[in-house]
Amino acid sequence: MGPNKQVQLMFLSGGVIAFLLAKWTSEWVLGYFVRRVEAYDWWIISLAATVALVAGIVTYKNERIYGLASDVASELKKVTWPTRKETQAATLVVIVTVIIAAIILGAFDAVWSYATDKMYG
């Protein structure tokens, strides 16, 4: 398994996400016990960075996880992405469908509101 930029980018992104989650979780938990969490920023950042670094190294060195990430990257290379024109056409279809659905649901709501007002009003 040679170095693969997409796979390494996946692991780097995962490390950044792990750092942010560890940092936010540490601040949240510490907030229940301490009034001024800002005083412990250095410790929180150090703990979050250590947790993210260890988790990143462990997952990067795991052959099964690295193989899975490589398989995902190789499968994504086979995907044929839609052109700009196809994307615009599909977006237009979605917008028109949402407008039609909103009109139908609005009509049902108006009829139901009228019926309940006549029954209970």
PDB file of N, CA and C in Angstrom:
ATOM      1  N   MET A   1       0.838  -1.178   0.000  1.00  0.00           N
ATOM      2  CA  MET A   1       0.000   0.000   0.000  1.00  0.00           C
ATOM      3  C   MET A   1       0.883   1.242   0.000  1.00  0.00           C
ATOM      4  N   GLY A   2       0.918   1.909  -1.105  1.00  0.00           N
ATOM      5  CA  GLY A   2       1.695   3.132  -1.192  1.00  0.00           C
ATOM      6  C   GLY A   2       0.921   4.313  -0.629  1.00  0.00           C
ATOM      7  N   PRO A   3       1.601   5.418  -0.492  1.00  0.00           N
ATOM      8  CA  PRO A   3       0.899   6.595   0.029  1.00  0.00           C
ATOM      9  C   PRO A   3      -0.183   7.062  -0.939  1.00  0.00           C
ATOM     10  N   ASN A   4      -1.321   7.365  -0.413  1.00  0.00           N
ATOM     11  CA  ASN A   4      -2.472   7.781  -1.191  1.00  0.00           C
ATOM     12  C   ASN A   4      -2.966   9.106  -0.615  1.00  0.00           C
ATOM     13  N   LYS A   5      -2.945  10.161  -1.407  1.00  0.00           N
ATOM     14  CA  LYS A   5      -3.282  11.491  -0.904  1.00  0.00           C
ATOM     15  C   LYS A   5      -4.703  11.561  -0.358  1.00  0.00           C
ATOM     16  N   GLN A   6      -5.657  10.946  -1.052  1.00  0.00           N
ATOM     17  CA  GLN A   6      -7.036  11.008  -0.598  1.00  0.00           C
ATOM     18  C   GLN A   6      -7.210  10.313   0.749  1.00  0.00           C
ATOM     19  N   VAL A   7      -6.546   9.173   0.910  1.00  0.00           N
ATOM     20  CA  VAL A   7      -6.651   8.431   2.170  1.00  0.00           C
ATOM     21  C   VAL A   7      -6.013   9.232   3.295  1.00  0.00           C
ATOM     22  N   GLN A   8      -4.863   9.820   3.030  1.00  0.00           N
ATOM     23  CA  GLN A   8      -4.202  10.613   4.063  1.00  0.00           C
ATOM     24  C   GLN A   8      -5.032  11.839   4.411  1.00  0.00           C
ATOM     25  N   LEU A   9      -5.698  12.427   3.428  1.00  0.00           N
ATOM     26  CA  LEU A   9      -6.576  13.559   3.691  1.00  0.00           C
ATOM     27  C   LEU A   9      -7.766  13.131   4.540  1.00  0.00           C
ATOM     28  N   MET A  10      -8.296  11.922   4.308  1.00  0.00           N
ATOM     29  CA  MET A  10      -9.379  11.396   5.137  1.00  0.00           C
ATOM     30  C   MET A  10      -8.946  11.277   6.591  1.00  0.00           C
ATOM     31  N   PHE A  11      -7.756  10.711   6.810  1.00  0.00           N
ATOM     32  CA  PHE A  11      -7.265  10.544   8.174  1.00  0.00           C
ATOM     33  C   PHE A  11      -6.963  11.895   8.822  1.00  0.00           C
ATOM     34  N   LEU A  12      -6.444  12.844   8.065  1.00  0.00           N
ATOM     35  CA  LEU A  12      -6.184  14.175   8.602  1.00  0.00           C
ATOM     36  C   LEU A  12      -7.494  14.870   8.989  1.00  0.00           C
ATOM     37  N   SER A  13      -8.496  14.763   8.131  1.00  0.00           N
ATOM     38  CA  SER A  13      -9.801  15.345   8.443  1.00  0.00           C
ATOM     39  C   SER A  13     -10.410  14.688   9.677  1.00  0.00           C
ATOM     40  N   GLY A  14     -10.278  13.387   9.765  1.00  0.00           N
ATOM     41  CA  GLY A  14     -10.766  12.675  10.946  1.00  0.00           C
ATOM     42  C   GLY A  14     -10.048  13.109  12.211  1.00  0.00           C
ATOM     43  N   GLY A  15      -8.748  13.361  12.110  1.00  0.00           N
ATOM     44  CA  GLY A  15      -7.992  13.842  13.262  1.00  0.00           C
ATOM     45  C   GLY A  15      -8.447  15.218  13.709  1.00  0.00           C
ATOM     46  N   VAL A  16      -8.709  16.096  12.745  1.00  0.00           N
ATOM     47  CA  VAL A  16      -9.192  17.439  13.083  1.00  0.00           C
ATOM     48  C   VAL A  16     -10.566  17.349  13.748  1.00  0.00           C
ATOM     49  N   ILE A  17     -11.438  16.511  13.220  1.00  0.00           N
ATOM     50  CA  ILE A  17     -12.765  16.335  13.807  1.00  0.00           C
ATOM     51  C   ILE A  17     -12.657  15.736  15.202  1.00  0.00           C
ATOM     52  N   ALA A  18     -11.771  14.748  15.384  1.00  0.00           N
ATOM     53  CA  ALA A  18     -11.567  14.151  16.702  1.00  0.00           C
ATOM     54  C   ALA A  18     -11.053  15.191  17.693  1.00  0.00           C
ATOM     55  N   PHE A  19     -10.130  16.068  17.236  1.00  0.00           N
ATOM     56  CA  PHE A  19      -9.624  17.135  18.109  1.00  0.00           C
ATOM     57  C   PHE A  19     -10.750  18.053  18.552  1.00  0.00           C
ATOM     58  N   LEU A  20     -11.580  18.499  17.589  1.00  0.00           N
ATOM     59  CA  LEU A  20     -12.665  19.417  17.927  1.00  0.00           C
ATOM     60  C   LEU A  20     -13.687  18.762  18.863  1.00  0.00           C
ATOM     61  N   LEU A  21     -14.027  17.506  18.595  1.00  0.00           N
ATOM     62  CA  LEU A  21     -14.977  16.813  19.468  1.00  0.00           C
ATOM     63  C   LEU A  21     -14.416  16.630  20.875  1.00  0.00           C
ATOM     64  N   ALA A  22     -13.137  16.265  20.969  1.00  0.00           N
ATOM     65  CA  ALA A  22     -12.515  16.100  22.286  1.00  0.00           C
ATOM     66  C   ALA A  22     -12.442  17.432  23.027  1.00  0.00           C
ATOM     67  N   LYS A  23     -12.131  18.489  22.322  1.00  0.00           N
ATOM     68  CA  LYS A  23     -12.041  19.820  22.936  1.00  0.00           C
ATOM     69  C   LYS A  23     -13.406  20.274  23.436  1.00  0.00           C
ATOM     70  N   TRP A  24     -14.420  20.193  22.583  1.00  0.00           N
ATOM     71  CA  TRP A  24     -15.763  20.627  22.977  1.00  0.00           C
ATOM     72  C   TRP A  24     -16.319  19.770  24.115  1.00  0.00           C
ATOM     73  N   THR A  25     -16.070  18.460  24.061  1.00  0.00           N
ATOM     74  CA  THR A  25     -16.542  17.578  25.119  1.00  0.00           C
ATOM     75  C   THR A  25     -15.842  17.889  26.427  1.00  0.00           C
ATOM     76  N   SER A  26     -14.540  18.123  26.388  1.00  0.00           N
ATOM     77  CA  SER A  26     -13.792  18.459  27.606  1.00  0.00           C
ATOM     78  C   SER A  26     -14.301  19.767  28.203  1.00  0.00           C
ATOM     79  N   GLU A  27     -14.542  20.769  27.363  1.00  0.00           N
ATOM     80  CA  GLU A  27     -15.060  22.042  27.859  1.00  0.00           C
ATOM     81  C   GLU A  27     -16.454  21.868  28.472  1.00  0.00           C
ATOM     82  N   TRP A  28     -17.267  21.057  27.838  1.00  0.00           N
ATOM     83  CA  TRP A  28     -18.621  20.827  28.317  1.00  0.00           C
ATOM     84  C   TRP A  28     -18.613  20.126  29.674  1.00  0.00           C
ATOM     85  N   VAL A  29     -17.800  19.050  29.792  1.00  0.00           N
ATOM     86  CA  VAL A  29     -17.731  18.298  31.052  1.00  0.00           C
ATOM     87  C   VAL A  29     -17.115  19.161  32.143  1.00  0.00           C
ATOM     88  N   LEU A  30     -16.032  19.858  31.847  1.00  0.00           N
ATOM     89  CA  LEU A  30     -15.367  20.695  32.831  1.00  0.00           C
ATOM     90  C   LEU A  30     -16.260  21.860  33.260  1.00  0.00           C
ATOM     91  N   GLY A  31     -17.145  22.305  32.383  1.00  0.00           N
ATOM     92  CA  GLY A  31     -18.059  23.383  32.704  1.00  0.00           C
ATOM     93  C   GLY A  31     -19.012  23.062  33.839  1.00  0.00           C
ATOM     94  N   TYR A  32     -19.267  21.787  34.082  1.00  0.00           N
ATOM     95  CA  TYR A  32     -20.121  21.396  35.196  1.00  0.00           C
ATOM     96  C   TYR A  32     -19.406  21.503  36.542  1.00  0.00           C
ATOM     97  N   PHE A  33     -18.077  21.433  36.544  1.00  0.00           N
ATOM     98  CA  PHE A  33     -17.320  21.415  37.788  1.00  0.00           C
ATOM     99  C   PHE A  33     -16.604  22.723  38.084  1.00  0.00           C
ATOM    100  N   VAL A  34     -16.338  23.538  37.065  1.00  0.00           N
ATOM    101  CA  VAL A  34     -15.538  24.745  37.226  1.00  0.00           C
ATOM    102  C   VAL A  34     -16.299  25.921  36.634  1.00  0.00           C
ATOM    103  N   ARG A  35     -16.221  27.065  37.304  1.00  0.00           N
ATOM    104  CA  ARG A  35     -16.899  28.260  36.805  1.00  0.00           C
ATOM    105  C   ARG A  35     -16.183  28.846  35.591  1.00  0.00           C
ATOM    106  N   ARG A  36     -14.881  28.961  35.651  1.00  0.00           N
ATOM    107  CA  ARG A  36     -14.113  29.589  34.578  1.00  0.00           C
ATOM    108  C   ARG A  36     -13.346  28.521  33.805  1.00  0.00           C
ATOM    109  N   VAL A  37     -13.950  28.037  32.763  1.00  0.00           N
ATOM    110  CA  VAL A  37     -13.319  27.016  31.932  1.00  0.00           C
ATOM    111  C   VAL A  37     -12.122  27.604  31.182  1.00  0.00           C
ATOM    112  N   GLU A  38     -12.158  28.905  30.909  1.00  0.00           N
ATOM    113  CA  GLU A  38     -11.081  29.565  30.160  1.00  0.00           C
ATOM    114  C   GLU A  38      -9.734  29.409  30.856  1.00  0.00           C
ATOM    115  N   ALA A  39      -9.744  29.277  32.189  1.00  0.00           N
ATOM    116  CA  ALA A  39      -8.492  29.128  32.931  1.00  0.00           C
ATOM    117  C   ALA A  39      -7.807  27.806  32.614  1.00  0.00           C
ATOM    118  N   TYR A  40      -8.561  26.858  32.102  1.00  0.00           N
ATOM    119  CA  TYR A  40      -8.013  25.534  31.799  1.00  0.00           C
ATOM    120  C   TYR A  40      -7.851  25.293  30.301  1.00  0.00           C
ATOM    121  N   ASP A  41      -7.876  26.342  29.494  1.00  0.00           N
ATOM    122  CA  ASP A  41      -7.772  26.204  28.040  1.00  0.00           C
ATOM    123  C   ASP A  41      -6.532  25.432  27.616  1.00  0.00           C
ATOM    124  N   TRP A  42      -5.391  25.717  28.208  1.00  0.00           N
ATOM    125  CA  TRP A  42      -4.141  25.040  27.845  1.00  0.00           C
ATOM    126  C   TRP A  42      -4.255  23.542  28.071  1.00  0.00           C
ATOM    127  N   TRP A  43      -4.841  23.141  29.205  1.00  0.00           N
ATOM    128  CA  TRP A  43      -4.982  21.725  29.512  1.00  0.00           C
ATOM    129  C   TRP A  43      -5.997  21.064  28.576  1.00  0.00           C
ATOM    130  N   ILE A  44      -7.066  21.758  28.303  1.00  0.00           N
ATOM    131  CA  ILE A  44      -8.100  21.200  27.423  1.00  0.00           C
ATOM    132  C   ILE A  44      -7.547  20.990  26.021  1.00  0.00           C
ATOM    133  N   ILE A  45      -6.840  21.988  25.506  1.00  0.00           N
ATOM    134  CA  ILE A  45      -6.280  21.868  24.160  1.00  0.00           C
ATOM    135  C   ILE A  45      -5.227  20.767  24.114  1.00  0.00           C
ATOM    136  N   SER A  46      -4.395  20.669  25.154  1.00  0.00           N
ATOM    137  CA  SER A  46      -3.376  19.619  25.201  1.00  0.00           C
ATOM    138  C   SER A  46      -4.009  18.239  25.252  1.00  0.00           C
ATOM    139  N   LEU A  47      -5.036  18.093  26.084  1.00  0.00           N
ATOM    140  CA  LEU A  47      -5.722  16.799  26.190  1.00  0.00           C
ATOM    141  C   LEU A  47      -6.387  16.431  24.865  1.00  0.00           C
ATOM    142  N   ALA A  48      -7.081  17.381  24.257  1.00  0.00           N
ATOM    143  CA  ALA A  48      -7.775  17.112  22.986  1.00  0.00           C
ATOM    144  C   ALA A  48      -6.785  16.770  21.885  1.00  0.00           C
ATOM    145  N   ALA A  49      -5.655  17.496  21.824  1.00  0.00           N
ATOM    146  CA  ALA A  49      -4.647  17.212  20.808  1.00  0.00           C
ATOM    147  C   ALA A  49      -4.035  15.834  21.021  1.00  0.00           C
ATOM    148  N   THR A  50      -3.784  15.465  22.266  1.00  0.00           N
ATOM    149  CA  THR A  50      -3.211  14.145  22.561  1.00  0.00           C
ATOM    150  C   THR A  50      -4.185  13.041  22.181  1.00  0.00           C
ATOM    151  N   VAL A  51      -5.447  13.206  22.550  1.00  0.00           N
ATOM    152  CA  VAL A  51      -6.459  12.190  22.221  1.00  0.00           C
ATOM    153  C   VAL A  51      -6.589  12.045  20.709  1.00  0.00           C
ATOM    154  N   ALA A  52      -6.657  13.169  19.999  1.00  0.00           N
ATOM    155  CA  ALA A  52      -6.807  13.126  18.540  1.00  0.00           C
ATOM    156  C   ALA A  52      -5.580  12.523  17.880  1.00  0.00           C
ATOM    157  N   LEU A  53      -4.390  12.869  18.365  1.00  0.00           N
ATOM    158  CA  LEU A  53      -3.156  12.334  17.782  1.00  0.00           C
ATOM    159  C   LEU A  53      -3.051  10.826  17.995  1.00  0.00           C
ATOM    160  N   VAL A  54      -3.341  10.378  19.192  1.00  0.00           N
ATOM    161  CA  VAL A  54      -3.279   8.938  19.474  1.00  0.00           C
ATOM    162  C   VAL A  54      -4.323   8.193  18.648  1.00  0.00           C
ATOM    163  N   ALA A  55      -5.543   8.728  18.603  1.00  0.00           N
ATOM    164  CA  ALA A  55      -6.598   8.074  17.813  1.00  0.00           C
ATOM    165  C   ALA A  55      -6.233   8.047  16.337  1.00  0.00           C
ATOM    166  N   GLY A  56      -5.664   9.149  15.834  1.00  0.00           N
ATOM    167  CA  GLY A  56      -5.266   9.199  14.432  1.00  0.00           C
ATOM    168  C   GLY A  56      -4.167   8.209  14.098  1.00  0.00           C
ATOM    169  N   ILE A  57      -3.161   8.108  14.960  1.00  0.00           N
ATOM    170  CA  ILE A  57      -2.056   7.170  14.714  1.00  0.00           C
ATOM    171  C   ILE A  57      -2.547   5.738  14.782  1.00  0.00           C
ATOM    172  N   VAL A  58      -3.379   5.431  15.788  1.00  0.00           N
ATOM    173  CA  VAL A  58      -3.877   4.061  15.941  1.00  0.00           C
ATOM    174  C   VAL A  58      -4.718   3.658  14.728  1.00  0.00           C
ATOM    175  N   THR A  59      -5.597   4.545  14.271  1.00  0.00           N
ATOM    176  CA  THR A  59      -6.434   4.185  13.121  1.00  0.00           C
ATOM    177  C   THR A  59      -5.620   4.149  11.825  1.00  0.00           C
ATOM    178  N   TYR A  60      -4.625   5.016  11.696  1.00  0.00           N
ATOM    179  CA  TYR A  60      -3.802   5.027  10.485  1.00  0.00           C
ATOM    180  C   TYR A  60      -2.950   3.767  10.389  1.00  0.00           C
ATOM    181  N   LYS A  61      -2.471   3.279  11.519  1.00  0.00           N
ATOM    182  CA  LYS A  61      -1.628   2.077  11.527  1.00  0.00           C
ATOM    183  C   LYS A  61      -2.438   0.785  11.425  1.00  0.00           C
ATOM    184  N   ASN A  62      -3.738   0.843  11.681  1.00  0.00           N
ATOM    185  CA  ASN A  62      -4.590  -0.331  11.595  1.00  0.00           C
ATOM    186  C   ASN A  62      -4.783  -0.695  10.121  1.00  0.00           C
ATOM    187  N   GLU A  63      -4.364  -1.883   9.740  1.00  0.00           N
ATOM    188  CA  GLU A  63      -4.406  -2.294   8.334  1.00  0.00           C
ATOM    189  C   GLU A  63      -5.831  -2.413   7.803  1.00  0.00           C
ATOM    190  N   ARG A  64      -6.752  -2.874   8.631  1.00  0.00           N
ATOM    191  CA  ARG A  64      -8.136  -3.026   8.183  1.00  0.00           C
ATOM    192  C   ARG A  64      -8.765  -1.665   7.887  1.00  0.00           C
ATOM    193  N   ILE A  65      -8.555  -0.717   8.775  1.00  0.00           N
ATOM    194  CA  ILE A  65      -9.132   0.613   8.582  1.00  0.00           C
ATOM    195  C   ILE A  65      -8.465   1.312   7.398  1.00  0.00           C
ATOM    196  N   TYR A  66      -7.153   1.212   7.296  1.00  0.00           N
ATOM    197  CA  TYR A  66      -6.445   1.829   6.178  1.00  0.00           C
ATOM    198  C   TYR A  66      -6.877   1.198   4.849  1.00  0.00           C
ATOM    199  N   GLY A  67      -7.053  -0.122   4.862  1.00  0.00           N
ATOM    200  CA  GLY A  67      -7.523  -0.810   3.647  1.00  0.00           C
ATOM    201  C   GLY A  67      -8.918  -0.380   3.258  1.00  0.00           C
ATOM    202  N   LEU A  68      -9.797  -0.226   4.255  1.00  0.00           N
ATOM    203  CA  LEU A  68     -11.152   0.241   3.979  1.00  0.00           C
ATOM    204  C   LEU A  68     -11.133   1.650   3.402  1.00  0.00           C
ATOM    205  N   ALA A  69     -10.319   2.522   3.978  1.00  0.00           N
ATOM    206  CA  ALA A  69     -10.219   3.895   3.470  1.00  0.00           C
ATOM    207  C   ALA A  69      -9.660   3.901   2.047  1.00  0.00           C
ATOM    208  N   SER A  70      -8.705   3.044   1.759  1.00  0.00           N
ATOM    209  CA  SER A  70      -8.156   2.951   0.403  1.00  0.00           C
ATOM    210  C   SER A  70      -9.194   2.446  -0.585  1.00  0.00           C
ATOM    211  N   ASP A  71     -10.005   1.478  -0.145  1.00  0.00           N
ATOM    212  CA  ASP A  71     -11.080   0.965  -1.006  1.00  0.00           C
ATOM    213  C   ASP A  71     -12.113   2.050  -1.305  1.00  0.00           C
ATOM    214  N   VAL A  72     -12.452   2.838  -0.285  1.00  0.00           N
ATOM    215  CA  VAL A  72     -13.414   3.921  -0.479  1.00  0.00           C
ATOM    216  C   VAL A  72     -12.858   4.934  -1.485  1.00  0.00           C
ATOM    217  N   ALA A  73     -11.579   5.298  -1.324  1.00  0.00           N
ATOM    218  CA  ALA A  73     -10.964   6.270  -2.233  1.00  0.00           C
ATOM    219  C   ALA A  73     -10.917   5.729  -3.661  1.00  0.00           C
ATOM    220  N   SER A  74     -10.597   4.445  -3.811  1.00  0.00           N
ATOM    221  CA  SER A  74     -10.533   3.887  -5.164  1.00  0.00           C
ATOM    222  C   SER A  74     -11.919   3.783  -5.795  1.00  0.00           C
ATOM    223  N   GLU A  75     -12.946   3.513  -5.000  1.00  0.00           N
ATOM    224  CA  GLU A  75     -14.306   3.460  -5.537  1.00  0.00           C
ATOM    225  C   GLU A  75     -14.789   4.856  -5.924  1.00  0.00           C
ATOM    226  N   LEU A  76     -14.403   5.865  -5.147  1.00  0.00           N
ATOM    227  CA  LEU A  76     -14.819   7.228  -5.484  1.00  0.00           C
ATOM    228  C   LEU A  76     -14.174   7.715  -6.774  1.00  0.00           C
ATOM    229  N   LYS A  77     -13.022   7.163  -7.134  1.00  0.00           N
ATOM    230  CA  LYS A  77     -12.396   7.538  -8.405  1.00  0.00           C
ATOM    231  C   LYS A  77     -13.201   7.021  -9.592  1.00  0.00           C
ATOM    232  N   LYS A  78     -13.999   5.970  -9.381  1.00  0.00           N
ATOM    233  CA  LYS A  78     -14.788   5.377 -10.453  1.00  0.00           C
ATOM    234  C   LYS A  78     -16.128   6.091 -10.667  1.00  0.00           C
ATOM    235  N   VAL A  79     -16.495   6.962  -9.753  1.00  0.00           N
ATOM    236  CA  VAL A  79     -17.790   7.631  -9.823  1.00  0.00           C
ATOM    237  C   VAL A  79     -17.792   8.631 -10.973  1.00  0.00           C
ATOM    238  N   THR A  80     -18.880   8.629 -11.732  1.00  0.00           N
ATOM    239  CA  THR A  80     -19.038   9.642 -12.776  1.00  0.00           C
ATOM    240  C   THR A  80     -19.931  10.735 -12.214  1.00  0.00           C
ATOM    241  N   TRP A  81     -19.373  11.894 -12.033  1.00  0.00           N
ATOM    242  CA  TRP A  81     -20.089  13.008 -11.447  1.00  0.00           C
ATOM    243  C   TRP A  81     -20.906  13.714 -12.523  1.00  0.00           C
ATOM    244  N   PRO A  82     -22.080  14.255 -12.155  1.00  0.00           N
ATOM    245  CA  PRO A  82     -22.917  14.931 -13.151  1.00  0.00           C
ATOM    246  C   PRO A  82     -22.269  16.238 -13.626  1.00  0.00           C
ATOM    247  N   THR A  83     -22.617  16.615 -14.837  1.00  0.00           N
ATOM    248  CA  THR A  83     -22.116  17.876 -15.374  1.00  0.00           C
ATOM    249  C   THR A  83     -22.889  19.032 -14.740  1.00  0.00           C
ATOM    250  N   ARG A  84     -22.406  20.237 -14.995  1.00  0.00           N
ATOM    251  CA  ARG A  84     -23.075  21.429 -14.454  1.00  0.00           C
ATOM    252  C   ARG A  84     -24.504  21.538 -14.979  1.00  0.00           C
ATOM    253  N   LYS A  85     -24.692  21.234 -16.255  1.00  0.00           N
ATOM    254  CA  LYS A  85     -26.008  21.322 -16.861  1.00  0.00           C
ATOM    255  C   LYS A  85     -26.966  20.298 -16.240  1.00  0.00           C
ATOM    256  N   GLU A  86     -26.503  19.077 -16.024  1.00  0.00           N
ATOM    257  CA  GLU A  86     -27.326  18.047 -15.393  1.00  0.00           C
ATOM    258  C   GLU A  86     -27.692  18.433 -13.964  1.00  0.00           C
ATOM    259  N   THR A  87     -26.747  19.002 -13.241  1.00  0.00           N
ATOM    260  CA  THR A  87     -27.004  19.425 -11.864  1.00  0.00           C
ATOM    261  C   THR A  87     -28.044  20.536 -11.829  1.00  0.00           C
ATOM    262  N   GLN A  88     -27.941  21.496 -12.754  1.00  0.00           N
ATOM    263  CA  GLN A  88     -28.916  22.586 -12.802  1.00  0.00           C
ATOM    264  C   GLN A  88     -30.311  22.057 -13.140  1.00  0.00           C
ATOM    265  N   ALA A  89     -30.385  21.115 -14.072  1.00  0.00           N
ATOM    266  CA  ALA A  89     -31.684  20.543 -14.445  1.00  0.00           C
ATOM    267  C   ALA A  89     -32.303  19.784 -13.267  1.00  0.00           C
ATOM    268  N   ALA A  90     -31.504  19.005 -12.577  1.00  0.00           N
ATOM    269  CA  ALA A  90     -32.005  18.252 -11.425  1.00  0.00           C
ATOM    270  C   ALA A  90     -32.442  19.193 -10.299  1.00  0.00           C
ATOM    271  N   THR A  91     -31.698  20.274 -10.108  1.00  0.00           N
ATOM    272  CA  THR A  91     -32.065  21.258  -9.088  1.00  0.00           C
ATOM    273  C   THR A  91     -33.387  21.916  -9.423  1.00  0.00           C
ATOM    274  N   LEU A  92     -33.589  22.241 -10.681  1.00  0.00           N
ATOM    275  CA  LEU A  92     -34.845  22.846 -11.113  1.00  0.00           C
ATOM    276  C   LEU A  92     -36.012  21.890 -10.875  1.00  0.00           C
ATOM    277  N   VAL A  93     -35.817  20.611 -11.175  1.00  0.00           N
ATOM    278  CA  VAL A  93     -36.870  19.615 -10.943  1.00  0.00           C
ATOM    279  C   VAL A  93     -37.214  19.555  -9.456  1.00  0.00           C
ATOM    280  N   VAL A  94     -36.210  19.569  -8.599  1.00  0.00           N
ATOM    281  CA  VAL A  94     -36.453  19.518  -7.155  1.00  0.00           C
ATOM    282  C   VAL A  94     -37.220  20.758  -6.691  1.00  0.00           C
ATOM    283  N   ILE A  95     -36.823  21.927  -7.165  1.00  0.00           N
ATOM    284  CA  ILE A  95     -37.489  23.165  -6.748  1.00  0.00           C
ATOM    285  C   ILE A  95     -38.955  23.168  -7.184  1.00  0.00           C
ATOM    286  N   VAL A  96     -39.212  22.766  -8.430  1.00  0.00           N
ATOM    287  CA  VAL A  96     -40.596  22.724  -8.918  1.00  0.00           C
ATOM    288  C   VAL A  96     -41.410  21.705  -8.123  1.00  0.00           C
ATOM    289  N   THR A  97     -40.838  20.552  -7.837  1.00  0.00           N
ATOM    290  CA  THR A  97     -41.538  19.519  -7.066  1.00  0.00           C
ATOM    291  C   THR A  97     -41.865  20.017  -5.665  1.00  0.00           C
ATOM    292  N   VAL A  98     -40.952  20.715  -5.038  1.00  0.00           N
ATOM    293  CA  VAL A  98     -41.193  21.252  -3.694  1.00  0.00           C
ATOM    294  C   VAL A  98     -42.300  22.297  -3.729  1.00  0.00           C
ATOM    295  N   ILE A  99     -42.309  23.150  -4.742  1.00  0.00           N
ATOM    296  CA  ILE A  99     -43.364  24.166  -4.856  1.00  0.00           C
ATOM    297  C   ILE A  99     -44.721  23.507  -5.038  1.00  0.00           C
ATOM    298  N   ILE A 100     -44.796  22.491  -5.905  1.00  0.00           N
ATOM    299  CA  ILE A 100     -46.064  21.782  -6.122  1.00  0.00           C
ATOM    300  C   ILE A 100     -46.523  21.097  -4.836  1.00  0.00           C
ATOM    301  N   ALA A 101     -45.609  20.447  -4.136  1.00  0.00           N
ATOM    302  CA  ALA A 101     -45.956  19.788  -2.876  1.00  0.00           C
ATOM    303  C   ALA A 101     -46.425  20.801  -1.843  1.00  0.00           C
ATOM    304  N   ALA A 102     -45.799  21.976  -1.792  1.00  0.00           N
ATOM    305  CA  ALA A 102     -46.213  23.013  -0.848  1.00  0.00           C
ATOM    306  C   ALA A 102     -47.614  23.511  -1.166  1.00  0.00           C
ATOM    307  N   ILE A 103     -47.929  23.660  -2.444  1.00  0.00           N
ATOM    308  CA  ILE A 103     -49.274  24.106  -2.843  1.00  0.00           C
ATOM    309  C   ILE A 103     -50.316  23.068  -2.447  1.00  0.00           C
ATOM    310  N   ILE A 104     -50.025  21.792  -2.709  1.00  0.00           N
ATOM    311  CA  ILE A 104     -50.969  20.729  -2.365  1.00  0.00           C
ATOM    312  C   ILE A 104     -51.166  20.654  -0.854  1.00  0.00           C
ATOM    313  N   LEU A 105     -50.076  20.687  -0.091  1.00  0.00           N
ATOM    314  CA  LEU A 105     -50.196  20.626   1.364  1.00  0.00           C
ATOM    315  C   LEU A 105     -50.893  21.865   1.915  1.00  0.00           C
ATOM    316  N   GLY A 106     -50.639  23.029   1.314  1.00  0.00           N
ATOM    317  CA  GLY A 106     -51.341  24.245   1.735  1.00  0.00           C
ATOM    318  C   GLY A 106     -52.831  24.147   1.488  1.00  0.00           C
ATOM    319  N   ALA A 107     -53.208  23.565   0.347  1.00  0.00           N
ATOM    320  CA  ALA A 107     -54.629  23.377   0.035  1.00  0.00           C
ATOM    321  C   ALA A 107     -55.280  22.420   1.032  1.00  0.00           C
ATOM    322  N   PHE A 108     -54.609  21.298   1.327  1.00  0.00           N
ATOM    323  CA  PHE A 108     -55.132  20.364   2.322  1.00  0.00           C
ATOM    324  C   PHE A 108     -55.289  21.047   3.680  1.00  0.00           C
ATOM    325  N   ASP A 109     -54.318  21.858   4.055  1.00  0.00           N
ATOM    326  CA  ASP A 109     -54.365  22.550   5.331  1.00  0.00           C
ATOM    327  C   ASP A 109     -55.527  23.535   5.362  1.00  0.00           C
ATOM    328  N   ALA A 110     -55.731  24.266   4.261  1.00  0.00           N
ATOM    329  CA  ALA A 110     -56.835  25.222   4.208  1.00  0.00           C
ATOM    330  C   ALA A 110     -58.181  24.508   4.311  1.00  0.00           C
ATOM    331  N   VAL A 111     -58.336  23.395   3.594  1.00  0.00           N
ATOM    332  CA  VAL A 111     -59.590  22.634   3.642  1.00  0.00           C
ATOM    333  C   VAL A 111     -59.809  22.078   5.041  1.00  0.00           C
ATOM    334  N   TRP A 112     -58.802  21.516   5.623  1.00  0.00           N
ATOM    335  CA  TRP A 112     -58.907  20.936   6.968  1.00  0.00           C
ATOM    336  C   TRP A 112     -59.219  22.031   7.996  1.00  0.00           C
ATOM    337  N   SER A 113     -58.582  23.187   7.871  1.00  0.00           N
ATOM    338  CA  SER A 113     -58.836  24.304   8.781  1.00  0.00           C
ATOM    339  C   SER A 113     -60.274  24.780   8.646  1.00  0.00           C
ATOM    340  N   TYR A 114     -60.759  24.884   7.426  1.00  0.00           N
ATOM    341  CA  TYR A 114     -62.144  25.300   7.185  1.00  0.00           C
ATOM    342  C   TYR A 114     -63.118  24.286   7.786  1.00  0.00           C
ATOM    343  N   ALA A 115     -62.831  22.981   7.575  1.00  0.00           N
ATOM    344  CA  ALA A 115     -63.719  21.930   8.089  1.00  0.00           C
ATOM    345  C   ALA A 115     -63.747  21.924   9.608  1.00  0.00           C
ATOM    346  N   THR A 116     -62.607  22.054  10.247  1.00  0.00           N
ATOM    347  CA  THR A 116     -62.590  22.054  11.720  1.00  0.00           C
ATOM    348  C   THR A 116     -63.220  23.306  12.289  1.00  0.00           C
ATOM    349  N   ASP A 117     -63.093  24.441  11.608  1.00  0.00           N
ATOM    350  CA  ASP A 117     -63.757  25.665  12.077  1.00  0.00           C
ATOM    351  C   ASP A 117     -65.275  25.526  12.010  1.00  0.00           C
ATOM    352  N   LYS A 118     -65.768  24.888  10.955  1.00  0.00           N
ATOM    353  CA  LYS A 118     -67.212  24.693  10.816  1.00  0.00           C
ATOM    354  C   LYS A 118     -67.727  23.687  11.846  1.00  0.00           C
ATOM    355  N   MET A 119     -66.943  22.652  12.147  1.00  0.00           N
ATOM    356  CA  MET A 119     -67.383  21.635  13.107  1.00  0.00           C
ATOM    357  C   MET A 119     -67.334  22.145  14.544  1.00  0.00           C
ATOM    358  N   TYR A 120     -66.254  22.834  14.912  1.00  0.00           N
ATOM    359  CA  TYR A 120     -66.068  23.240  16.306  1.00  0.00           C
ATOM    360  C   TYR A 120     -66.363  24.715  16.547  1.00  0.00           C
ATOM    361  N   GLY A 121     -66.522  25.504  15.484  1.00  0.00           N
ATOM    362  CA  GLY A 121     -66.616  26.943  15.617  1.00  0.00           C
ATOM    363  C   GLY A 121     -67.949  27.447  15.842  1.00  0.00           C
TER     364      GLY A 121
END
